[in-house]
Amino acid sequence: MTACADAETLALYEAALDRLPPLSCVVFLLHRVDELSYVEIAERLSIMVAAVEACIVEALLVICATVDGREHRQRPLEVIAEAEAALHERHRRACGDFSRESGGGIWRMVHSIRQIGRRRPTFETWLCNLVGR
């Protein structure tokens, strides 16, 4: 394989990862890059092992389709949807905690001014921070 082919293949893999939903992407990277087991990933994210397995399957299907130049229709899997819903709820609560840090009245305004550069994390950022990526 030439360096050009390697670069093309890498670009295809990166494009495939960009097409993945956040949870499936994070789970895939934790397994393939960080070499965590399904159980370790499930414990770290507080989701079921079945959700981890489903995310890996989804990631592999998208990657294969992208590398092969095929279109992939993502099928919503109930177990992934449940895990994502639970994680979105944790994210919402974390953002609520973020908002409540500021207190009340004039102190809220002062705190808000201090926090101008500090924004609520997006779900993807929060999820990556949760797993230490």
Protein backbone atom coordinates (compact mmCIF):
# COMPACT_ATOMS: atom_id res chain seq x y z
CA MET A 1 0.00 0.00 0.00
CA THR A 2 1.35 3.42 -0.93
CA ALA A 3 1.46 6.47 1.30
CA CYS A 4 -1.24 8.04 -0.87
CA ALA A 5 -3.50 5.01 -0.44
CA ASP A 6 -2.87 5.10 3.30
CA ALA A 7 -3.87 8.76 3.42
CA GLU A 8 -7.02 8.02 1.40
CA THR A 9 -7.94 5.13 3.69
CA LEU A 10 -7.35 7.26 6.76
CA ALA A 11 -9.55 10.00 5.27
CA LEU A 12 -12.30 7.41 4.67
CA TYR A 13 -12.08 6.21 8.29
CA GLU A 14 -12.21 9.78 9.57
CA ALA A 15 -15.23 10.49 7.37
CA ALA A 16 -16.91 7.37 8.74
CA LEU A 17 -16.25 8.46 12.33
CA ASP A 18 -17.71 11.88 11.53
CA ARG A 19 -20.93 10.17 10.37
CA LEU A 20 -21.38 8.31 13.65
CA PRO A 21 -23.67 9.53 16.41
CA PRO A 22 -21.67 10.80 19.41
CA LEU A 23 -22.30 7.79 21.65
CA SER A 24 -21.35 5.22 19.01
CA CYS A 25 -18.24 7.18 18.11
CA VAL A 26 -17.07 7.49 21.71
CA VAL A 27 -17.78 3.81 22.44
CA PHE A 28 -15.95 2.72 19.28
CA LEU A 29 -12.89 4.85 20.12
CA LEU A 30 -12.83 3.67 23.72
CA HIS A 31 -12.82 0.08 22.51
CA ARG A 32 -10.52 0.30 19.50
CA VAL A 33 -8.11 3.08 20.52
CA ASP A 34 -8.12 2.94 24.31
CA GLU A 35 -8.56 -0.87 24.24
CA LEU A 36 -11.24 -0.92 26.93
CA SER A 37 -13.46 -3.96 27.22
CA TYR A 38 -17.21 -3.71 26.68
CA VAL A 39 -17.72 -4.06 30.44
CA GLU A 40 -15.22 -1.29 31.20
CA ILE A 41 -16.92 1.03 28.71
CA ALA A 42 -20.36 0.21 30.11
CA GLU A 43 -19.17 0.93 33.65
CA ARG A 44 -17.45 4.17 32.64
CA LEU A 45 -20.56 5.48 30.86
CA SER A 46 -23.10 3.87 33.21
CA ILE A 47 -24.86 2.12 30.35
CA MET A 48 -25.69 -1.53 29.64
CA VAL A 49 -23.16 -3.79 27.94
CA ALA A 50 -25.83 -4.47 25.29
CA ALA A 51 -25.75 -0.75 24.42
CA VAL A 52 -21.97 -0.90 24.05
CA GLU A 53 -22.30 -3.92 21.75
CA ALA A 54 -24.96 -2.17 19.67
CA CYS A 55 -22.79 0.94 19.36
CA ILE A 56 -19.84 -1.16 18.15
CA VAL A 57 -22.04 -2.89 15.57
CA GLU A 58 -23.40 0.44 14.38
CA ALA A 59 -19.89 1.90 14.13
CA LEU A 60 -18.58 -1.06 12.15
CA LEU A 61 -21.54 -0.95 9.75
CA VAL A 62 -21.01 2.76 9.08
CA ILE A 63 -17.25 2.34 8.68
CA CYS A 64 -17.62 -0.59 6.26
CA ALA A 65 -20.23 1.26 4.21
CA THR A 66 -18.10 4.40 4.04
CA VAL A 67 -14.91 2.56 3.09
CA ASP A 68 -16.82 0.53 0.46
CA GLY A 69 -18.43 3.69 -0.91
CA ARG A 70 -21.95 2.59 -0.02
CA GLU A 71 -24.69 4.61 1.63
CA HIS A 72 -25.60 3.42 5.11
CA ARG A 73 -29.01 4.02 6.59
CA GLN A 74 -28.68 4.13 10.32
CA ARG A 75 -31.23 1.95 12.00
CA PRO A 76 -32.31 3.31 15.36
CA LEU A 77 -31.63 0.55 17.85
CA GLU A 78 -33.74 0.71 20.98
CA VAL A 79 -30.85 -0.15 23.29
CA ILE A 80 -28.73 2.70 21.88
CA ALA A 81 -31.68 5.09 22.05
CA GLU A 82 -32.23 4.23 25.73
CA ALA A 83 -28.55 4.71 26.57
CA GLU A 84 -28.41 8.01 24.70
CA ALA A 85 -31.58 9.21 26.43
CA ALA A 86 -30.08 8.40 29.83
CA LEU A 87 -26.83 10.17 28.96
CA HIS A 88 -28.71 13.19 27.59
CA GLU A 89 -30.62 13.36 30.89
CA ARG A 90 -27.32 13.28 32.82
CA HIS A 91 -26.02 16.04 30.52
CA ARG A 92 -29.18 18.11 31.11
CA ARG A 93 -28.78 17.72 34.88
CA ALA A 94 -25.09 18.64 34.64
CA CYS A 95 -26.02 21.78 32.69
CA GLY A 96 -28.67 22.56 35.30
CA ASP A 97 -26.02 22.27 37.99
CA PHE A 98 -23.85 24.57 35.88
CA SER A 99 -26.64 27.18 35.85
CA ARG A 100 -27.32 26.89 39.59
CA GLU A 101 -23.65 27.50 40.46
CA SER A 102 -24.21 31.19 39.98
CA GLY A 103 -26.45 31.77 43.03
CA GLY A 104 -28.98 34.61 42.92
CA GLY A 105 -29.49 38.35 42.59
CA ILE A 106 -26.52 40.63 42.06
CA TRP A 107 -24.15 37.75 42.69
CA ARG A 108 -25.68 35.90 39.76
CA MET A 109 -24.91 38.87 37.51
CA VAL A 110 -21.34 39.16 38.84
CA HIS A 111 -20.85 35.42 38.42
CA SER A 112 -22.30 35.60 34.89
CA ILE A 113 -19.83 38.31 33.94
CA ARG A 114 -16.96 36.19 35.27
CA GLN A 115 -18.22 33.20 33.34
CA ILE A 116 -18.62 34.90 29.95
CA GLY A 117 -15.97 32.68 28.40
CA ARG A 118 -17.28 29.58 30.13
CA ARG A 119 -20.18 28.01 28.26
CA ARG A 120 -22.34 25.01 28.93
CA PRO A 121 -20.71 22.02 27.32
CA THR A 122 -22.40 20.48 24.31
CA PHE A 123 -23.52 16.89 24.68
CA GLU A 124 -20.56 15.69 22.62
CA THR A 125 -18.05 17.70 24.67
CA TRP A 126 -19.64 16.57 27.92
CA LEU A 127 -19.60 12.92 26.77
CA CYS A 128 -15.92 13.13 25.81
CA ASN A 129 -15.08 14.77 29.13
CA LEU A 130 -17.03 12.05 30.93
CA VAL A 131 -14.80 9.36 29.48
CA GLY A 132 -11.63 11.41 29.68
CA ARG A 133 -11.04 11.90 25.94
